[in-house]
Amino acid sequence: MPTIELLIFSPRWGHDDTYEIELERDHMEITRGANIARADWQDNADPAWSGWTVEGMMGNDSIHPPAVTQRMFLKVWTAWRGREIDTAQAEAELQSLADWINAVTRAKPRTDFWRAYF
């Protein structure tokens, strides 16, 4: 099954970090180094998340994505899983999400006041 790589800018390190998104029928994993956020499919229930949250994993790299980010990853995965979109479109949609996260990260306030917080 596909593994999609996204480059997301990390203010903590000052460069793009690679996030790998693995799409499987029974699960999705979002990996950054040793950190993993995993969603497992459950029939007749919401997917069960384990490991890191997406926001927690990104926050560890001083990336503060919009609050809906984890749900957006989930939306792409469930659409791919349900064959509403193919792998190429899933990759394009995830890249669009990464572009948005990068725009938010690069637009964060940079005054001394805000640097003390994030």
N, C-alpha and C. Protein backbone atom coordinates (compact mmCIF):
# COMPACT_ATOMS: atom_id res chain seq x y z
N MET A 1 0.84 -1.18 0.00
CA MET A 1 0.00 0.00 0.00
C MET A 1 0.89 1.25 0.00
N PRO A 2 0.32 2.37 -0.35
CA PRO A 2 1.16 3.56 -0.55
C PRO A 2 1.68 4.17 0.75
N THR A 3 2.89 4.71 0.63
CA THR A 3 3.47 5.56 1.66
C THR A 3 3.74 6.91 1.00
N ILE A 4 3.18 7.94 1.56
CA ILE A 4 3.28 9.29 1.00
C ILE A 4 4.16 10.13 1.91
N GLU A 5 5.14 10.80 1.34
CA GLU A 5 6.04 11.65 2.11
C GLU A 5 5.63 13.11 1.96
N LEU A 6 5.53 13.79 3.09
CA LEU A 6 5.21 15.22 3.12
C LEU A 6 6.35 15.96 3.80
N LEU A 7 6.76 17.07 3.23
CA LEU A 7 7.78 17.92 3.85
C LEU A 7 7.05 19.05 4.58
N ILE A 8 7.27 19.10 5.89
CA ILE A 8 6.61 20.10 6.72
C ILE A 8 7.70 20.86 7.47
N PHE A 9 7.66 22.18 7.37
CA PHE A 9 8.69 23.02 7.96
C PHE A 9 8.62 22.99 9.48
N SER A 10 9.78 22.75 10.11
CA SER A 10 9.88 22.73 11.56
C SER A 10 10.65 23.96 12.04
N PRO A 11 9.96 24.90 12.71
CA PRO A 11 10.67 26.05 13.28
C PRO A 11 11.71 25.63 14.33
N ARG A 12 11.45 24.53 15.00
CA ARG A 12 12.39 24.05 16.02
C ARG A 12 13.75 23.75 15.43
N TRP A 13 13.75 23.13 14.25
CA TRP A 13 15.01 22.72 13.62
C TRP A 13 15.43 23.63 12.47
N GLY A 14 14.50 24.45 11.98
CA GLY A 14 14.83 25.39 10.91
C GLY A 14 14.91 24.76 9.53
N HIS A 15 14.30 23.60 9.37
CA HIS A 15 14.28 22.95 8.05
C HIS A 15 13.01 22.11 7.92
N ASP A 16 12.79 21.60 6.71
CA ASP A 16 11.65 20.72 6.48
C ASP A 16 11.90 19.36 7.11
N ASP A 17 10.90 18.82 7.77
CA ASP A 17 10.93 17.46 8.28
C ASP A 17 10.06 16.59 7.39
N THR A 18 10.43 15.34 7.26
CA THR A 18 9.65 14.41 6.46
C THR A 18 8.67 13.67 7.35
N TYR A 19 7.41 13.77 7.00
CA TYR A 19 6.35 12.99 7.64
C TYR A 19 5.90 11.95 6.63
N GLU A 20 5.88 10.70 7.04
CA GLU A 20 5.45 9.61 6.17
C GLU A 20 4.04 9.20 6.54
N ILE A 21 3.18 9.13 5.53
CA ILE A 21 1.80 8.72 5.75
C ILE A 21 1.61 7.39 5.03
N GLU A 22 1.36 6.36 5.79
CA GLU A 22 1.15 5.02 5.24
C GLU A 22 -0.35 4.74 5.24
N LEU A 23 -0.88 4.48 4.07
CA LEU A 23 -2.30 4.17 3.93
C LEU A 23 -2.49 2.68 3.71
N GLU A 24 -3.21 2.06 4.59
CA GLU A 24 -3.58 0.65 4.48
C GLU A 24 -5.09 0.57 4.64
N ARG A 25 -5.69 -0.51 4.22
CA ARG A 25 -7.14 -0.66 4.35
C ARG A 25 -7.55 -0.71 5.83
N ASP A 26 -6.73 -1.34 6.68
CA ASP A 26 -7.11 -1.50 8.07
C ASP A 26 -6.52 -0.45 9.00
N HIS A 27 -5.58 0.38 8.50
CA HIS A 27 -5.00 1.41 9.34
C HIS A 27 -4.29 2.49 8.52
N MET A 28 -4.02 3.60 9.18
CA MET A 28 -3.19 4.66 8.63
C MET A 28 -2.16 5.01 9.70
N GLU A 29 -0.92 5.17 9.28
CA GLU A 29 0.12 5.61 10.19
C GLU A 29 0.76 6.89 9.68
N ILE A 30 0.94 7.83 10.58
CA ILE A 30 1.64 9.07 10.29
C ILE A 30 2.90 9.02 11.15
N THR A 31 4.05 9.03 10.49
CA THR A 31 5.31 8.81 11.18
C THR A 31 6.26 9.98 10.96
N ARG A 32 6.92 10.38 12.01
CA ARG A 32 8.01 11.37 11.96
C ARG A 32 9.10 10.84 12.87
N GLY A 33 10.17 10.33 12.28
CA GLY A 33 11.22 9.71 13.09
C GLY A 33 10.65 8.51 13.83
N ALA A 34 10.85 8.48 15.15
CA ALA A 34 10.34 7.38 15.97
C ALA A 34 8.91 7.60 16.44
N ASN A 35 8.33 8.77 16.13
CA ASN A 35 6.98 9.11 16.60
C ASN A 35 5.93 8.64 15.59
N ILE A 36 4.90 7.99 16.09
CA ILE A 36 3.84 7.45 15.23
C ILE A 36 2.47 7.80 15.79
N ALA A 37 1.61 8.29 14.91
CA ALA A 37 0.18 8.44 15.19
C ALA A 37 -0.51 7.40 14.31
N ARG A 38 -1.29 6.54 14.90
CA ARG A 38 -1.91 5.45 14.14
C ARG A 38 -3.42 5.46 14.34
N ALA A 39 -4.14 5.30 13.24
CA ALA A 39 -5.59 5.14 13.27
C ALA A 39 -5.93 3.76 12.75
N ASP A 40 -6.65 2.98 13.54
CA ASP A 40 -7.08 1.64 13.14
C ASP A 40 -8.57 1.66 12.81
N TRP A 41 -8.91 1.05 11.68
CA TRP A 41 -10.29 0.99 11.24
C TRP A 41 -11.10 0.12 12.19
N GLN A 42 -12.32 0.56 12.49
CA GLN A 42 -13.26 -0.21 13.27
C GLN A 42 -14.60 -0.16 12.55
N ASP A 43 -15.17 -1.30 12.25
CA ASP A 43 -16.48 -1.32 11.62
C ASP A 43 -17.52 -0.73 12.58
N ASN A 44 -18.39 0.08 12.06
CA ASN A 44 -19.48 0.69 12.81
C ASN A 44 -19.04 1.56 13.98
N ALA A 45 -17.84 2.14 13.87
CA ALA A 45 -17.34 3.04 14.92
C ALA A 45 -16.27 3.94 14.29
N ASP A 46 -15.95 5.02 14.98
CA ASP A 46 -14.86 5.87 14.52
C ASP A 46 -13.55 5.11 14.62
N PRO A 47 -12.60 5.42 13.74
CA PRO A 47 -11.28 4.78 13.87
C PRO A 47 -10.68 5.06 15.25
N ALA A 48 -9.91 4.10 15.74
CA ALA A 48 -9.27 4.22 17.04
C ALA A 48 -7.84 4.72 16.85
N TRP A 49 -7.53 5.83 17.49
CA TRP A 49 -6.19 6.41 17.42
C TRP A 49 -5.33 5.86 18.54
N SER A 50 -4.05 5.67 18.24
CA SER A 50 -3.09 5.25 19.27
C SER A 50 -1.75 5.95 19.00
N GLY A 51 -0.91 5.93 20.01
CA GLY A 51 0.38 6.61 19.90
C GLY A 51 0.19 8.11 20.08
N TRP A 52 0.91 8.87 19.33
CA TRP A 52 0.85 10.33 19.38
C TRP A 52 -0.42 10.83 18.72
N THR A 53 -0.86 12.03 19.08
CA THR A 53 -1.82 12.74 18.25
C THR A 53 -1.01 13.45 17.17
N VAL A 54 -1.65 13.79 16.07
CA VAL A 54 -0.95 14.52 15.02
C VAL A 54 -0.47 15.87 15.56
N GLU A 55 -1.35 16.56 16.29
CA GLU A 55 -0.99 17.87 16.83
C GLU A 55 0.16 17.75 17.82
N GLY A 56 0.17 16.70 18.65
CA GLY A 56 1.25 16.49 19.60
C GLY A 56 2.57 16.21 18.92
N MET A 57 2.53 15.37 17.89
CA MET A 57 3.74 15.05 17.15
C MET A 57 4.32 16.29 16.49
N MET A 58 3.46 17.06 15.84
CA MET A 58 3.94 18.28 15.18
C MET A 58 4.36 19.33 16.20
N GLY A 59 3.62 19.44 17.29
CA GLY A 59 3.97 20.39 18.34
C GLY A 59 5.36 20.12 18.91
N ASN A 60 5.76 18.86 18.93
CA ASN A 60 7.10 18.49 19.40
C ASN A 60 8.19 19.11 18.51
N ASP A 61 7.83 19.45 17.28
CA ASP A 61 8.76 20.10 16.33
C ASP A 61 8.46 21.59 16.19
N SER A 62 7.71 22.14 17.15
CA SER A 62 7.31 23.55 17.15
C SER A 62 6.43 23.92 15.95
N ILE A 63 5.69 22.93 15.45
CA ILE A 63 4.71 23.14 14.39
C ILE A 63 3.35 23.14 15.10
N HIS A 64 2.57 24.17 14.88
CA HIS A 64 1.26 24.28 15.54
C HIS A 64 0.18 24.31 14.47
N PRO A 65 -0.24 23.12 14.00
CA PRO A 65 -1.20 23.06 12.91
C PRO A 65 -2.61 23.44 13.37
N PRO A 66 -3.48 23.75 12.42
CA PRO A 66 -4.89 24.01 12.78
C PRO A 66 -5.49 22.81 13.51
N ALA A 67 -6.44 23.07 14.38
CA ALA A 67 -7.04 22.03 15.22
C ALA A 67 -7.70 20.90 14.43
N VAL A 68 -8.08 21.15 13.19
CA VAL A 68 -8.77 20.13 12.39
C VAL A 68 -7.81 19.20 11.64
N THR A 69 -6.52 19.38 11.83
CA THR A 69 -5.53 18.66 11.03
C THR A 69 -5.67 17.14 11.13
N GLN A 70 -5.80 16.60 12.33
CA GLN A 70 -5.92 15.14 12.47
C GLN A 70 -7.17 14.63 11.75
N ARG A 71 -8.27 15.38 11.86
CA ARG A 71 -9.50 14.97 11.17
C ARG A 71 -9.34 15.05 9.65
N MET A 72 -8.52 15.97 9.18
CA MET A 72 -8.30 16.09 7.73
C MET A 72 -7.49 14.91 7.21
N PHE A 73 -6.47 14.46 7.96
CA PHE A 73 -5.75 13.24 7.59
C PHE A 73 -6.74 12.08 7.52
N LEU A 74 -7.59 11.99 8.53
CA LEU A 74 -8.59 10.92 8.60
C LEU A 74 -9.54 10.97 7.40
N LYS A 75 -9.96 12.16 6.99
CA LYS A 75 -10.87 12.31 5.85
C LYS A 75 -10.24 11.78 4.57
N VAL A 76 -8.97 12.11 4.35
CA VAL A 76 -8.29 11.61 3.15
C VAL A 76 -8.19 10.09 3.20
N TRP A 77 -7.80 9.56 4.36
CA TRP A 77 -7.66 8.11 4.48
C TRP A 77 -8.98 7.39 4.23
N THR A 78 -10.05 7.86 4.86
CA THR A 78 -11.34 7.18 4.68
C THR A 78 -11.85 7.31 3.25
N ALA A 79 -11.59 8.43 2.60
CA ALA A 79 -11.99 8.58 1.19
C ALA A 79 -11.18 7.62 0.31
N TRP A 80 -9.88 7.49 0.58
CA TRP A 80 -9.03 6.55 -0.16
C TRP A 80 -9.47 5.12 0.11
N ARG A 81 -9.70 4.83 1.38
CA ARG A 81 -10.10 3.48 1.78
C ARG A 81 -11.43 3.08 1.13
N GLY A 82 -12.35 4.05 1.03
CA GLY A 82 -13.65 3.79 0.42
C GLY A 82 -13.65 3.91 -1.10
N ARG A 83 -12.47 4.11 -1.67
CA ARG A 83 -12.28 4.21 -3.13
C ARG A 83 -12.99 5.42 -3.75
N GLU A 84 -13.24 6.45 -2.92
CA GLU A 84 -13.76 7.72 -3.45
C GLU A 84 -12.66 8.46 -4.19
N ILE A 85 -11.42 8.28 -3.76
CA ILE A 85 -10.26 8.88 -4.42
C ILE A 85 -9.20 7.80 -4.58
N ASP A 86 -8.34 7.97 -5.60
CA ASP A 86 -7.25 7.02 -5.79
C ASP A 86 -6.00 7.51 -5.06
N THR A 87 -4.94 6.75 -5.15
CA THR A 87 -3.71 7.08 -4.44
C THR A 87 -3.14 8.42 -4.89
N ALA A 88 -3.17 8.69 -6.18
CA ALA A 88 -2.63 9.97 -6.69
C ALA A 88 -3.41 11.15 -6.11
N GLN A 89 -4.73 11.03 -6.05
CA GLN A 89 -5.51 12.12 -5.48
C GLN A 89 -5.30 12.22 -3.97
N ALA A 90 -5.16 11.08 -3.29
CA ALA A 90 -4.87 11.11 -1.85
C ALA A 90 -3.56 11.85 -1.61
N GLU A 91 -2.55 11.57 -2.42
CA GLU A 91 -1.27 12.25 -2.27
C GLU A 91 -1.43 13.75 -2.53
N ALA A 92 -2.19 14.12 -3.55
CA ALA A 92 -2.41 15.54 -3.85
C ALA A 92 -3.15 16.24 -2.71
N GLU A 93 -4.14 15.58 -2.13
CA GLU A 93 -4.90 16.18 -1.04
C GLU A 93 -4.03 16.32 0.22
N LEU A 94 -3.21 15.32 0.49
CA LEU A 94 -2.31 15.41 1.64
C LEU A 94 -1.25 16.49 1.42
N GLN A 95 -0.78 16.64 0.17
CA GLN A 95 0.18 17.71 -0.11
C GLN A 95 -0.47 19.07 0.08
N SER A 96 -1.72 19.19 -0.30
CA SER A 96 -2.46 20.43 -0.09
C SER A 96 -2.56 20.74 1.41
N LEU A 97 -2.80 19.71 2.21
CA LEU A 97 -2.85 19.87 3.66
C LEU A 97 -1.49 20.30 4.20
N ALA A 98 -0.41 19.68 3.72
CA ALA A 98 0.94 20.06 4.15
C ALA A 98 1.25 21.51 3.76
N ASP A 99 0.82 21.92 2.58
CA ASP A 99 1.03 23.31 2.15
C ASP A 99 0.34 24.28 3.11
N TRP A 100 -0.86 23.93 3.54
CA TRP A 100 -1.61 24.77 4.48
C TRP A 100 -0.91 24.83 5.83
N ILE A 101 -0.47 23.67 6.32
CA ILE A 101 0.25 23.64 7.60
C ILE A 101 1.51 24.50 7.50
N ASN A 102 2.23 24.39 6.39
CA ASN A 102 3.45 25.19 6.20
C ASN A 102 3.13 26.68 6.15
N ALA A 103 2.04 27.05 5.49
CA ALA A 103 1.66 28.47 5.42
C ALA A 103 1.33 29.01 6.81
N VAL A 104 0.61 28.21 7.61
CA VAL A 104 0.28 28.62 8.97
C VAL A 104 1.55 28.76 9.81
N THR A 105 2.44 27.79 9.68
CA THR A 105 3.69 27.81 10.45
C THR A 105 4.53 29.02 10.09
N ARG A 106 4.65 29.30 8.81
CA ARG A 106 5.49 30.42 8.38
C ARG A 106 4.86 31.77 8.70
N ALA A 107 3.56 31.79 8.93
CA ALA A 107 2.87 33.06 9.21
C ALA A 107 2.71 33.34 10.70
N LYS A 108 3.23 32.46 11.55
CA LYS A 108 3.04 32.68 12.99
C LYS A 108 3.73 33.97 13.43
N PRO A 109 3.24 34.59 14.48
CA PRO A 109 3.85 35.83 14.96
C PRO A 109 5.31 35.61 15.35
N ARG A 110 6.14 36.58 15.06
CA ARG A 110 7.57 36.43 15.32
C ARG A 110 8.12 37.51 16.26
N THR A 111 7.26 38.15 17.01
CA THR A 111 7.74 39.14 17.97
C THR A 111 8.37 38.42 19.16
N ASP A 112 9.18 39.12 19.93
CA ASP A 112 9.81 38.52 21.11
C ASP A 112 8.76 37.98 22.07
N PHE A 113 7.62 38.68 22.18
CA PHE A 113 6.55 38.22 23.06
C PHE A 113 6.11 36.81 22.69
N TRP A 114 5.82 36.58 21.40
CA TRP A 114 5.30 35.27 20.97
C TRP A 114 6.38 34.22 20.90
N ARG A 115 7.62 34.58 20.65
CA ARG A 115 8.70 33.60 20.62
C ARG A 115 8.86 32.90 21.96
N ALA A 116 8.48 33.57 23.04
CA ALA A 116 8.57 32.96 24.36
C ALA A 116 7.56 31.82 24.52
N TYR A 117 6.51 31.81 23.71
CA TYR A 117 5.46 30.80 23.82
C TYR A 117 5.56 29.70 22.79
N PHE A 118 5.96 30.04 21.56
CA PHE A 118 6.10 29.00 20.52
C PHE A 118 7.01 29.44 19.43
